[in-house]
Amino acid sequence: MQWKRFAFHFVYLVVIILVVFQGLKFDDLLDQRARETMDRDTLYWIYFTLFPILNGLLLKIGGLVIKAKRKGKWRIDWIKVIVIGIPMLYITLIPMLSFTLFLGINLPFSGYIMTIGGGKLTFISGTIVGYVLLDSLYKELITTEIQENHITN
């Protein structure tokens, strides 16, 4: 049993490392292209937005696999999504929205996020978004299962 667990975590770690490594290589490629053309195109901003979210999803996917093995009905913790996920998603989307769709429109807090926080803030917030999306999923035991668990314990 311990070997299965070890193998699962080892493979999980290798996948995370490969995705991050490939993502950083793609980031270098996009940066080089932006230096040559003196323009950060839509592909760059989509990557800049989605890569951190993917990292957050990867960090939590192992826990979701464990949750999936449990019995019960899937539920979403909407409070967590609303209180943490949506504000972090807004911070993550600010650079893409500012430079692609809404060019010239001043979004709330965009100046602060773009100048003070920059790429680090959006990377951290995107990672939080991905993590919270999967962390907000849980399985709720059905009433009869709760009673059976209580009787056997």
N, C-alpha and C. Protein backbone atom coordinates (compact mmCIF):
# COMPACT_ATOMS: atom_id res chain seq x y z
N MET A 1 0.83 -1.21 0.00
CA MET A 1 0.00 0.00 0.00
C MET A 1 0.87 1.26 0.00
N GLN A 2 1.93 1.25 0.79
CA GLN A 2 2.80 2.42 0.86
C GLN A 2 3.51 2.67 -0.48
N TRP A 3 3.83 1.57 -1.21
CA TRP A 3 4.49 1.72 -2.49
C TRP A 3 3.56 2.38 -3.52
N LYS A 4 2.28 2.04 -3.46
CA LYS A 4 1.31 2.66 -4.36
C LYS A 4 1.24 4.17 -4.10
N ARG A 5 1.20 4.50 -2.84
CA ARG A 5 1.14 5.91 -2.44
C ARG A 5 2.41 6.64 -2.87
N PHE A 6 3.56 6.00 -2.65
CA PHE A 6 4.84 6.57 -3.06
C PHE A 6 4.87 6.79 -4.57
N ALA A 7 4.45 5.78 -5.33
CA ALA A 7 4.46 5.87 -6.79
C ALA A 7 3.53 6.98 -7.27
N PHE A 8 2.35 7.08 -6.66
CA PHE A 8 1.40 8.13 -7.02
C PHE A 8 2.02 9.51 -6.83
N HIS A 9 2.61 9.74 -5.66
CA HIS A 9 3.19 11.05 -5.37
C HIS A 9 4.42 11.33 -6.23
N PHE A 10 5.19 10.30 -6.53
CA PHE A 10 6.36 10.49 -7.38
C PHE A 10 5.95 10.87 -8.80
N VAL A 11 4.99 10.15 -9.37
CA VAL A 11 4.50 10.46 -10.71
C VAL A 11 3.87 11.86 -10.74
N TYR A 12 3.13 12.17 -9.70
CA TYR A 12 2.49 13.48 -9.55
C TYR A 12 3.56 14.58 -9.56
N LEU A 13 4.64 14.39 -8.83
CA LEU A 13 5.73 15.36 -8.79
C LEU A 13 6.40 15.50 -10.16
N VAL A 14 6.64 14.40 -10.84
CA VAL A 14 7.27 14.44 -12.15
C VAL A 14 6.40 15.21 -13.14
N VAL A 15 5.09 14.98 -13.10
CA VAL A 15 4.17 15.70 -13.99
C VAL A 15 4.21 17.19 -13.70
N ILE A 16 4.19 17.56 -12.43
CA ILE A 16 4.25 18.99 -12.08
C ILE A 16 5.55 19.61 -12.59
N ILE A 17 6.67 18.94 -12.37
CA ILE A 17 7.96 19.47 -12.82
C ILE A 17 7.99 19.61 -14.33
N LEU A 18 7.48 18.61 -15.06
CA LEU A 18 7.48 18.68 -16.52
C LEU A 18 6.60 19.83 -17.03
N VAL A 19 5.43 19.99 -16.45
CA VAL A 19 4.53 21.05 -16.89
C VAL A 19 5.14 22.42 -16.61
N VAL A 20 5.70 22.60 -15.42
CA VAL A 20 6.32 23.88 -15.07
C VAL A 20 7.52 24.15 -15.98
N PHE A 21 8.36 23.14 -16.19
CA PHE A 21 9.53 23.30 -17.04
C PHE A 21 9.13 23.68 -18.47
N GLN A 22 8.17 22.96 -19.04
CA GLN A 22 7.72 23.27 -20.39
C GLN A 22 7.06 24.66 -20.46
N GLY A 23 6.32 24.99 -19.41
CA GLY A 23 5.70 26.31 -19.36
C GLY A 23 6.72 27.43 -19.32
N LEU A 24 7.78 27.23 -18.57
CA LEU A 24 8.83 28.25 -18.50
C LEU A 24 9.60 28.36 -19.82
N LYS A 25 9.79 27.23 -20.50
CA LYS A 25 10.42 27.27 -21.82
C LYS A 25 9.55 28.05 -22.80
N PHE A 26 8.24 27.81 -22.73
CA PHE A 26 7.32 28.53 -23.61
C PHE A 26 7.31 30.02 -23.27
N ASP A 27 7.42 30.35 -21.99
CA ASP A 27 7.50 31.74 -21.54
C ASP A 27 8.73 32.41 -22.14
N ASP A 28 9.87 31.74 -22.11
CA ASP A 28 11.08 32.30 -22.72
C ASP A 28 10.89 32.53 -24.21
N LEU A 29 10.25 31.59 -24.88
CA LEU A 29 9.98 31.73 -26.31
C LEU A 29 9.09 32.96 -26.59
N LEU A 30 8.04 33.12 -25.77
CA LEU A 30 7.15 34.27 -25.95
C LEU A 30 7.87 35.59 -25.65
N ASP A 31 8.73 35.59 -24.62
CA ASP A 31 9.50 36.80 -24.29
C ASP A 31 10.45 37.16 -25.43
N GLN A 32 11.10 36.17 -26.00
CA GLN A 32 12.01 36.41 -27.12
C GLN A 32 11.25 36.98 -28.30
N ARG A 33 10.10 36.40 -28.59
CA ARG A 33 9.28 36.89 -29.70
C ARG A 33 8.81 38.33 -29.44
N ALA A 34 8.48 38.63 -28.18
CA ALA A 34 8.04 39.98 -27.83
C ALA A 34 9.19 40.98 -27.98
N ARG A 35 10.42 40.57 -27.65
CA ARG A 35 11.57 41.46 -27.83
C ARG A 35 11.84 41.73 -29.31
N GLU A 36 11.67 40.71 -30.14
CA GLU A 36 11.93 40.87 -31.56
C GLU A 36 10.88 41.74 -32.25
N THR A 37 9.62 41.55 -31.86
CA THR A 37 8.54 42.29 -32.51
C THR A 37 8.16 43.57 -31.76
N MET A 38 8.71 43.74 -30.56
CA MET A 38 8.39 44.88 -29.70
C MET A 38 6.90 44.93 -29.37
N ASP A 39 6.27 43.75 -29.30
CA ASP A 39 4.84 43.68 -29.02
C ASP A 39 4.53 42.38 -28.30
N ARG A 40 3.74 42.48 -27.27
CA ARG A 40 3.23 41.29 -26.58
C ARG A 40 1.84 41.04 -27.12
N ASP A 41 1.72 40.00 -27.92
CA ASP A 41 0.45 39.74 -28.59
C ASP A 41 -0.53 39.01 -27.68
N THR A 42 -1.70 38.70 -28.22
CA THR A 42 -2.77 38.06 -27.46
C THR A 42 -2.33 36.71 -26.91
N LEU A 43 -1.56 35.94 -27.67
CA LEU A 43 -1.08 34.64 -27.20
C LEU A 43 -0.28 34.78 -25.91
N TYR A 44 0.56 35.82 -25.86
CA TYR A 44 1.34 36.05 -24.64
C TYR A 44 0.43 36.29 -23.45
N TRP A 45 -0.58 37.13 -23.61
CA TRP A 45 -1.45 37.47 -22.48
C TRP A 45 -2.34 36.29 -22.08
N ILE A 46 -2.73 35.48 -23.03
CA ILE A 46 -3.49 34.27 -22.69
C ILE A 46 -2.61 33.32 -21.88
N TYR A 47 -1.38 33.12 -22.33
CA TYR A 47 -0.44 32.28 -21.58
C TYR A 47 -0.18 32.86 -20.19
N PHE A 48 0.07 34.15 -20.13
CA PHE A 48 0.37 34.85 -18.88
C PHE A 48 -0.77 34.67 -17.88
N THR A 49 -1.98 34.54 -18.38
CA THR A 49 -3.16 34.36 -17.52
C THR A 49 -3.38 32.90 -17.17
N LEU A 50 -3.29 32.01 -18.14
CA LEU A 50 -3.67 30.61 -17.91
C LEU A 50 -2.59 29.75 -17.26
N PHE A 51 -1.32 30.05 -17.48
CA PHE A 51 -0.26 29.22 -16.93
C PHE A 51 -0.28 29.18 -15.40
N PRO A 52 -0.44 30.31 -14.71
CA PRO A 52 -0.53 30.23 -13.25
C PRO A 52 -1.76 29.45 -12.77
N ILE A 53 -2.88 29.60 -13.46
CA ILE A 53 -4.08 28.85 -13.08
C ILE A 53 -3.83 27.36 -13.25
N LEU A 54 -3.17 26.97 -14.33
CA LEU A 54 -2.81 25.57 -14.54
C LEU A 54 -1.91 25.06 -13.41
N ASN A 55 -0.97 25.89 -12.98
CA ASN A 55 -0.11 25.49 -11.85
C ASN A 55 -0.92 25.26 -10.59
N GLY A 56 -1.87 26.12 -10.31
CA GLY A 56 -2.72 25.93 -9.14
C GLY A 56 -3.56 24.66 -9.24
N LEU A 57 -4.08 24.40 -10.44
CA LEU A 57 -4.84 23.16 -10.65
C LEU A 57 -3.95 21.94 -10.41
N LEU A 58 -2.73 22.00 -10.91
CA LEU A 58 -1.80 20.88 -10.72
C LEU A 58 -1.48 20.65 -9.25
N LEU A 59 -1.35 21.73 -8.49
CA LEU A 59 -1.03 21.58 -7.07
C LEU A 59 -2.14 20.88 -6.30
N LYS A 60 -3.36 21.04 -6.74
CA LYS A 60 -4.49 20.46 -5.99
C LYS A 60 -5.04 19.18 -6.60
N ILE A 61 -4.68 18.84 -7.81
CA ILE A 61 -5.29 17.69 -8.48
C ILE A 61 -5.05 16.39 -7.72
N GLY A 62 -3.93 16.27 -7.04
CA GLY A 62 -3.68 15.07 -6.24
C GLY A 62 -4.71 14.89 -5.15
N GLY A 63 -5.07 15.97 -4.49
CA GLY A 63 -6.11 15.92 -3.46
C GLY A 63 -7.47 15.60 -4.04
N LEU A 64 -7.73 16.06 -5.26
CA LEU A 64 -9.01 15.78 -5.90
C LEU A 64 -9.12 14.30 -6.25
N VAL A 65 -8.02 13.70 -6.64
CA VAL A 65 -8.02 12.27 -6.94
C VAL A 65 -8.40 11.49 -5.69
N ILE A 66 -7.86 11.88 -4.56
CA ILE A 66 -8.19 11.22 -3.29
C ILE A 66 -9.66 11.44 -2.94
N LYS A 67 -10.17 12.67 -3.14
CA LYS A 67 -11.59 12.95 -2.87
C LYS A 67 -12.50 12.13 -3.78
N ALA A 68 -12.07 11.93 -5.01
CA ALA A 68 -12.90 11.22 -5.99
C ALA A 68 -13.15 9.77 -5.58
N LYS A 69 -12.27 9.19 -4.79
CA LYS A 69 -12.43 7.81 -4.36
C LYS A 69 -13.48 7.66 -3.27
N ARG A 70 -13.81 8.75 -2.60
CA ARG A 70 -14.81 8.70 -1.53
C ARG A 70 -16.21 8.56 -2.13
N LYS A 71 -17.11 8.03 -1.30
CA LYS A 71 -18.51 7.94 -1.71
C LYS A 71 -19.18 9.26 -1.37
N GLY A 72 -20.19 9.56 -2.13
CA GLY A 72 -20.96 10.76 -1.85
C GLY A 72 -21.26 11.54 -3.11
N LYS A 73 -21.96 12.64 -2.93
CA LYS A 73 -22.37 13.48 -4.04
C LYS A 73 -21.45 14.71 -4.09
N TRP A 74 -20.99 15.04 -5.30
CA TRP A 74 -20.10 16.19 -5.47
C TRP A 74 -20.84 17.48 -5.14
N ARG A 75 -20.17 18.34 -4.42
CA ARG A 75 -20.69 19.67 -4.07
C ARG A 75 -19.60 20.71 -4.33
N ILE A 76 -20.01 21.96 -4.37
CA ILE A 76 -19.08 23.07 -4.55
C ILE A 76 -19.23 24.02 -3.36
N ASP A 77 -18.12 24.39 -2.78
CA ASP A 77 -18.11 25.38 -1.70
C ASP A 77 -18.13 26.77 -2.35
N TRP A 78 -19.35 27.26 -2.61
CA TRP A 78 -19.52 28.52 -3.33
C TRP A 78 -18.96 29.70 -2.57
N ILE A 79 -19.01 29.65 -1.25
CA ILE A 79 -18.47 30.76 -0.45
C ILE A 79 -16.98 30.91 -0.73
N LYS A 80 -16.25 29.79 -0.77
CA LYS A 80 -14.82 29.84 -1.06
C LYS A 80 -14.56 30.38 -2.46
N VAL A 81 -15.38 29.95 -3.41
CA VAL A 81 -15.21 30.42 -4.79
C VAL A 81 -15.46 31.91 -4.88
N ILE A 82 -16.52 32.39 -4.22
CA ILE A 82 -16.88 33.80 -4.30
C ILE A 82 -15.91 34.69 -3.53
N VAL A 83 -15.58 34.29 -2.30
CA VAL A 83 -14.75 35.15 -1.44
C VAL A 83 -13.27 35.13 -1.86
N ILE A 84 -12.76 33.98 -2.27
CA ILE A 84 -11.34 33.89 -2.62
C ILE A 84 -11.13 33.81 -4.13
N GLY A 85 -11.87 32.94 -4.79
CA GLY A 85 -11.64 32.67 -6.20
C GLY A 85 -11.89 33.85 -7.13
N ILE A 86 -13.02 34.51 -6.98
CA ILE A 86 -13.37 35.60 -7.90
C ILE A 86 -12.44 36.81 -7.78
N PRO A 87 -12.13 37.29 -6.56
CA PRO A 87 -11.16 38.40 -6.49
C PRO A 87 -9.78 38.03 -7.04
N MET A 88 -9.34 36.82 -6.77
CA MET A 88 -8.04 36.39 -7.30
C MET A 88 -8.08 36.25 -8.82
N LEU A 89 -9.21 35.81 -9.35
CA LEU A 89 -9.36 35.71 -10.80
C LEU A 89 -9.31 37.11 -11.43
N TYR A 90 -9.92 38.07 -10.79
CA TYR A 90 -9.88 39.45 -11.28
C TYR A 90 -8.44 39.96 -11.35
N ILE A 91 -7.68 39.72 -10.28
CA ILE A 91 -6.28 40.15 -10.27
C ILE A 91 -5.50 39.45 -11.37
N THR A 92 -5.80 38.18 -11.59
CA THR A 92 -5.11 37.40 -12.62
C THR A 92 -5.45 37.90 -14.02
N LEU A 93 -6.69 38.32 -14.22
CA LEU A 93 -7.14 38.74 -15.55
C LEU A 93 -6.78 40.19 -15.91
N ILE A 94 -6.45 41.01 -14.92
CA ILE A 94 -6.18 42.43 -15.16
C ILE A 94 -5.17 42.66 -16.30
N PRO A 95 -4.00 42.01 -16.31
CA PRO A 95 -3.06 42.30 -17.41
C PRO A 95 -3.64 41.97 -18.78
N MET A 96 -4.29 40.82 -18.92
CA MET A 96 -4.83 40.45 -20.22
C MET A 96 -5.95 41.41 -20.63
N LEU A 97 -6.83 41.75 -19.69
CA LEU A 97 -7.92 42.66 -20.02
C LEU A 97 -7.40 44.05 -20.37
N SER A 98 -6.37 44.49 -19.67
CA SER A 98 -5.83 45.83 -19.92
C SER A 98 -5.15 45.94 -21.27
N PHE A 99 -4.50 44.87 -21.72
CA PHE A 99 -3.72 44.96 -22.94
C PHE A 99 -4.38 44.35 -24.17
N THR A 100 -5.49 43.68 -24.01
CA THR A 100 -6.11 43.08 -25.20
C THR A 100 -7.52 43.59 -25.41
N LEU A 101 -8.45 43.16 -24.58
CA LEU A 101 -9.85 43.44 -24.83
C LEU A 101 -10.26 44.88 -24.56
N PHE A 102 -9.79 45.42 -23.46
CA PHE A 102 -10.26 46.73 -23.02
C PHE A 102 -9.15 47.78 -23.10
N LEU A 103 -8.44 47.79 -24.17
CA LEU A 103 -7.33 48.72 -24.32
C LEU A 103 -7.82 50.16 -24.10
N GLY A 104 -7.21 50.83 -23.15
CA GLY A 104 -7.57 52.20 -22.88
C GLY A 104 -8.61 52.37 -21.79
N ILE A 105 -9.27 51.31 -21.37
CA ILE A 105 -10.26 51.43 -20.30
C ILE A 105 -9.56 51.18 -18.97
N ASN A 106 -9.78 52.08 -18.03
CA ASN A 106 -9.15 51.97 -16.73
C ASN A 106 -10.02 51.11 -15.81
N LEU A 107 -9.59 49.89 -15.56
CA LEU A 107 -10.31 48.98 -14.68
C LEU A 107 -9.95 49.27 -13.22
N PRO A 108 -10.87 49.03 -12.29
CA PRO A 108 -10.57 49.29 -10.88
C PRO A 108 -9.33 48.52 -10.41
N PHE A 109 -8.43 49.21 -9.76
CA PHE A 109 -7.18 48.67 -9.20
C PHE A 109 -6.17 48.22 -10.24
N SER A 110 -6.46 48.43 -11.53
CA SER A 110 -5.54 47.94 -12.56
C SER A 110 -4.18 48.63 -12.50
N GLY A 111 -4.18 49.92 -12.23
CA GLY A 111 -2.91 50.64 -12.14
C GLY A 111 -2.05 50.10 -11.02
N TYR A 112 -2.65 49.88 -9.88
CA TYR A 112 -1.91 49.35 -8.73
C TYR A 112 -1.41 47.94 -9.01
N ILE A 113 -2.27 47.11 -9.53
CA ILE A 113 -1.90 45.71 -9.80
C ILE A 113 -0.78 45.64 -10.84
N MET A 114 -0.86 46.47 -11.88
CA MET A 114 0.13 46.42 -12.95
C MET A 114 1.47 47.02 -12.54
N THR A 115 1.45 48.05 -11.72
CA THR A 115 2.72 48.70 -11.37
C THR A 115 3.35 48.13 -10.11
N ILE A 116 2.58 47.97 -9.06
CA ILE A 116 3.13 47.48 -7.79
C ILE A 116 3.30 45.98 -7.82
N GLY A 117 2.25 45.27 -8.20
CA GLY A 117 2.29 43.81 -8.16
C GLY A 117 3.00 43.19 -9.34
N GLY A 118 2.65 43.65 -10.52
CA GLY A 118 3.26 43.13 -11.72
C GLY A 118 3.01 41.64 -11.93
N GLY A 119 3.98 41.01 -12.57
CA GLY A 119 3.85 39.60 -12.92
C GLY A 119 3.80 38.67 -11.72
N LYS A 120 4.51 39.03 -10.65
CA LYS A 120 4.52 38.16 -9.48
C LYS A 120 3.14 38.07 -8.84
N LEU A 121 2.48 39.20 -8.72
CA LEU A 121 1.15 39.23 -8.10
C LEU A 121 0.15 38.43 -8.93
N THR A 122 0.19 38.61 -10.24
CA THR A 122 -0.75 37.88 -11.08
C THR A 122 -0.42 36.39 -11.12
N PHE A 123 0.86 36.03 -11.02
CA PHE A 123 1.22 34.61 -10.97
C PHE A 123 0.72 33.98 -9.67
N ILE A 124 0.91 34.67 -8.57
CA ILE A 124 0.44 34.14 -7.27
C ILE A 124 -1.08 34.05 -7.25
N SER A 125 -1.75 35.10 -7.71
CA SER A 125 -3.22 35.07 -7.69
C SER A 125 -3.76 34.00 -8.64
N GLY A 126 -3.13 33.81 -9.80
CA GLY A 126 -3.57 32.77 -10.73
C GLY A 126 -3.39 31.38 -10.14
N THR A 127 -2.29 31.17 -9.43
CA THR A 127 -2.07 29.89 -8.77
C THR A 127 -3.14 29.66 -7.71
N ILE A 128 -3.48 30.69 -6.98
CA ILE A 128 -4.54 30.57 -5.96
C ILE A 128 -5.87 30.24 -6.62
N VAL A 129 -6.17 30.87 -7.75
CA VAL A 129 -7.42 30.59 -8.47
C VAL A 129 -7.52 29.12 -8.84
N GLY A 130 -6.48 28.59 -9.45
CA GLY A 130 -6.49 27.19 -9.85
C GLY A 130 -6.65 26.26 -8.66
N TYR A 131 -5.94 26.57 -7.60
CA TYR A 131 -6.01 25.74 -6.40
C TYR A 131 -7.41 25.79 -5.78
N VAL A 132 -7.96 26.99 -5.68
CA VAL A 132 -9.29 27.16 -5.06
C VAL A 132 -10.38 26.49 -5.89
N LEU A 133 -10.25 26.54 -7.21
CA LEU A 133 -11.26 25.89 -8.06
C LEU A 133 -11.41 24.41 -7.72
N LEU A 134 -10.29 23.72 -7.54
CA LEU A 134 -10.37 22.30 -7.21
C LEU A 134 -10.60 22.07 -5.72
N ASP A 135 -10.08 22.96 -4.89
CA ASP A 135 -10.25 22.80 -3.44
C ASP A 135 -11.70 23.02 -3.02
N SER A 136 -12.45 23.77 -3.80
CA SER A 136 -13.85 24.04 -3.45
C SER A 136 -14.76 22.86 -3.78
N LEU A 137 -14.26 21.88 -4.51
CA LEU A 137 -15.04 20.67 -4.79
C LEU A 137 -14.88 19.68 -3.64
N TYR A 138 -15.97 19.12 -3.20
CA TYR A 138 -15.93 18.12 -2.14
C TYR A 138 -17.10 17.17 -2.31
N LYS A 139 -17.00 16.05 -1.62
CA LYS A 139 -18.08 15.07 -1.66
C LYS A 139 -18.80 15.08 -0.33
N GLU A 140 -20.11 15.16 -0.41
CA GLU A 140 -20.94 15.16 0.79
C GLU A 140 -21.53 13.77 0.96
N LEU A 141 -21.33 13.21 2.14
CA LEU A 141 -21.88 11.89 2.41
C LEU A 141 -23.40 11.96 2.43
N ILE A 142 -24.03 10.94 1.87
CA ILE A 142 -25.49 10.85 1.91
C ILE A 142 -25.89 10.45 3.32
N THR A 143 -27.05 10.87 3.79
CA THR A 143 -27.49 10.66 5.18
C THR A 143 -27.38 9.21 5.61
N THR A 144 -27.76 8.27 4.78
CA THR A 144 -27.68 6.86 5.17
C THR A 144 -26.24 6.42 5.35
N GLU A 145 -25.34 6.96 4.52
CA GLU A 145 -23.92 6.63 4.66
C GLU A 145 -23.35 7.20 5.95
N ILE A 146 -23.81 8.38 6.33
CA ILE A 146 -23.35 8.97 7.60
C ILE A 146 -23.79 8.09 8.77
N GLN A 147 -25.03 7.64 8.72
CA GLN A 147 -25.53 6.78 9.79
C GLN A 147 -24.75 5.45 9.83
N GLU A 148 -24.48 4.86 8.67
CA GLU A 148 -23.72 3.61 8.63
C GLU A 148 -22.32 3.82 9.16
N ASN A 149 -21.68 4.92 8.81
CA ASN A 149 -20.34 5.21 9.29
C ASN A 149 -20.35 5.42 10.81
N HIS A 150 -21.38 6.05 11.32
CA HIS A 150 -21.48 6.32 12.75
C HIS A 150 -21.69 5.00 13.52
N ILE A 151 -22.50 4.09 12.98
CA ILE A 151 -22.77 2.82 13.64
C ILE A 151 -21.51 1.95 13.65
N THR A 152 -20.76 1.94 12.52
CA THR A 152 -19.57 1.08 12.46
C THR A 152 -18.41 1.65 13.27
N ASN A 153 -18.40 2.93 13.50
CA ASN A 153 -17.30 3.54 14.27
C ASN A 153 -17.66 3.45 15.70
